[in-house]
Amino acid sequence: MDITPNPDRGAIVTYLNPDVLDPTAFLRGVVVGDHVVDPQTSHAWVPVLLPDCTMCVLDARNIIEVHPPGGA
């Protein structure tokens, strides 16, 4: 069973930091678009706006918590 989250636009996500050398293990960001599925790996990738106003495309398998848009 695949339990990979596919959060909606505006959701706040907490995810495992892919940079193993960074001392911060978990990061947060806001989803700014729809997820895209890589046809080679079947991984969902999510565009995320980070607190420092940079963007990243995050493998949804690294997401550990999703807060829906509007804080519900």
C-alpha atoms as a PDB file:
ATOM      1  CA  MET A   1       0.000   0.000   0.000  1.00  0.00           C
ATOM      2  CA  ASP A   2       1.359   3.408  -1.000  1.00  0.00           C
ATOM      3  CA  ILE A   3       1.006   5.975   1.796  1.00  0.00           C
ATOM      4  CA  THR A   4       2.913   8.807   0.094  1.00  0.00           C
ATOM      5  CA  PRO A   5       1.060  12.082   0.801  1.00  0.00           C
ATOM      6  CA  ASN A   6       0.018  14.338  -2.076  1.00  0.00           C
ATOM      7  CA  PRO A   7      -0.765  17.625  -0.297  1.00  0.00           C
ATOM      8  CA  ASP A   8      -2.914  20.339  -1.850  1.00  0.00           C
ATOM      9  CA  ARG A   9      -1.661  23.790  -2.813  1.00  0.00           C
ATOM     10  CA  GLY A  10      -1.272  25.972   0.281  1.00  0.00           C
ATOM     11  CA  ALA A  11      -0.630  23.071   2.666  1.00  0.00           C
ATOM     12  CA  ILE A  12       2.260  23.385   5.085  1.00  0.00           C
ATOM     13  CA  VAL A  13       4.484  20.327   5.002  1.00  0.00           C
ATOM     14  CA  THR A  14       7.157  19.116   7.383  1.00  0.00           C
ATOM     15  CA  TYR A  15       9.688  16.918   5.669  1.00  0.00           C
ATOM     16  CA  LEU A  16      12.938  15.087   6.224  1.00  0.00           C
ATOM     17  CA  ASN A  17      15.864  17.244   5.111  1.00  0.00           C
ATOM     18  CA  PRO A  18      17.535  15.496   2.153  1.00  0.00           C
ATOM     19  CA  ASP A  19      20.856  17.225   2.976  1.00  0.00           C
ATOM     20  CA  VAL A  20      22.468  14.781   5.402  1.00  0.00           C
ATOM     21  CA  LEU A  21      25.229  17.288   6.263  1.00  0.00           C
ATOM     22  CA  ASP A  22      22.751  19.962   7.435  1.00  0.00           C
ATOM     23  CA  PRO A  23      22.300  19.956  11.236  1.00  0.00           C
ATOM     24  CA  THR A  24      18.544  20.556  10.831  1.00  0.00           C
ATOM     25  CA  ALA A  25      16.832  17.191  10.359  1.00  0.00           C
ATOM     26  CA  PHE A  26      13.331  18.470   9.549  1.00  0.00           C
ATOM     27  CA  LEU A  27      12.224  21.458   7.466  1.00  0.00           C
ATOM     28  CA  ARG A  28       8.904  23.135   6.661  1.00  0.00           C
ATOM     29  CA  GLY A  29       7.539  24.726   3.549  1.00  0.00           C
ATOM     30  CA  VAL A  30       4.335  25.646   1.725  1.00  0.00           C
ATOM     31  CA  VAL A  31       3.109  23.655  -1.265  1.00  0.00           C
ATOM     32  CA  VAL A  32       2.788  26.029  -4.237  1.00  0.00           C
ATOM     33  CA  GLY A  33       1.510  23.721  -6.967  1.00  0.00           C
ATOM     34  CA  ASP A  34       0.277  20.303  -7.978  1.00  0.00           C
ATOM     35  CA  HIS A  35       2.433  17.224  -7.569  1.00  0.00           C
ATOM     36  CA  VAL A  36       4.029  15.577 -10.601  1.00  0.00           C
ATOM     37  CA  VAL A  37       4.679  11.841 -10.883  1.00  0.00           C
ATOM     38  CA  ASP A  38       8.000  10.703 -12.337  1.00  0.00           C
ATOM     39  CA  PRO A  39       7.112   7.968 -14.872  1.00  0.00           C
ATOM     40  CA  GLN A  40      10.448   6.186 -14.323  1.00  0.00           C
ATOM     41  CA  THR A  41      10.215   5.814 -10.542  1.00  0.00           C
ATOM     42  CA  SER A  42       6.505   6.475  -9.814  1.00  0.00           C
ATOM     43  CA  HIS A  43       7.603   8.978  -7.126  1.00  0.00           C
ATOM     44  CA  ALA A  44       5.423  12.048  -6.629  1.00  0.00           C
ATOM     45  CA  TRP A  45       7.335  15.356  -6.556  1.00  0.00           C
ATOM     46  CA  VAL A  46       5.859  18.456  -4.915  1.00  0.00           C
ATOM     47  CA  PRO A  47       6.903  22.115  -5.488  1.00  0.00           C
ATOM     48  CA  VAL A  48       7.540  23.751  -2.105  1.00  0.00           C
ATOM     49  CA  LEU A  49       8.266  27.363  -1.132  1.00  0.00           C
ATOM     50  CA  LEU A  50      10.750  27.473   1.743  1.00  0.00           C
ATOM     51  CA  PRO A  51      10.934  30.114   4.522  1.00  0.00           C
ATOM     52  CA  ASP A  52      13.970  31.753   2.882  1.00  0.00           C
ATOM     53  CA  CYS A  53      11.817  32.368  -0.264  1.00  0.00           C
ATOM     54  CA  THR A  54      13.602  29.726  -2.328  1.00  0.00           C
ATOM     55  CA  MET A  55      11.788  26.905  -4.084  1.00  0.00           C
ATOM     56  CA  CYS A  56      12.507  23.210  -4.130  1.00  0.00           C
ATOM     57  CA  VAL A  57      10.883  20.212  -5.712  1.00  0.00           C
ATOM     58  CA  LEU A  58      10.476  17.704  -2.920  1.00  0.00           C
ATOM     59  CA  ASP A  59      10.099  13.942  -3.189  1.00  0.00           C
ATOM     60  CA  ALA A  60       6.748  13.387  -1.465  1.00  0.00           C
ATOM     61  CA  ARG A  61       8.159  10.303   0.269  1.00  0.00           C
ATOM     62  CA  ASN A  62      10.168  12.666   2.510  1.00  0.00           C
ATOM     63  CA  ILE A  63       7.006  14.364   3.829  1.00  0.00           C
ATOM     64  CA  ILE A  64       6.244  13.360   7.408  1.00  0.00           C
ATOM     65  CA  GLU A  65       3.406  15.768   8.284  1.00  0.00           C
ATOM     66  CA  VAL A  66       0.851  17.795   6.324  1.00  0.00           C
ATOM     67  CA  HIS A  67      -1.175  20.715   7.681  1.00  0.00           C
ATOM     68  CA  PRO A  68      -4.074  21.420   5.284  1.00  0.00           C
ATOM     69  CA  PRO A  69      -4.542  24.894   3.785  1.00  0.00           C
ATOM     70  CA  GLY A  70      -6.311  27.219   6.209  1.00  0.00           C
ATOM     71  CA  GLY A  71      -4.943  25.466   9.287  1.00  0.00           C
ATOM     72  CA  ALA A  72      -7.837  23.002   9.561  1.00  0.00           C
END
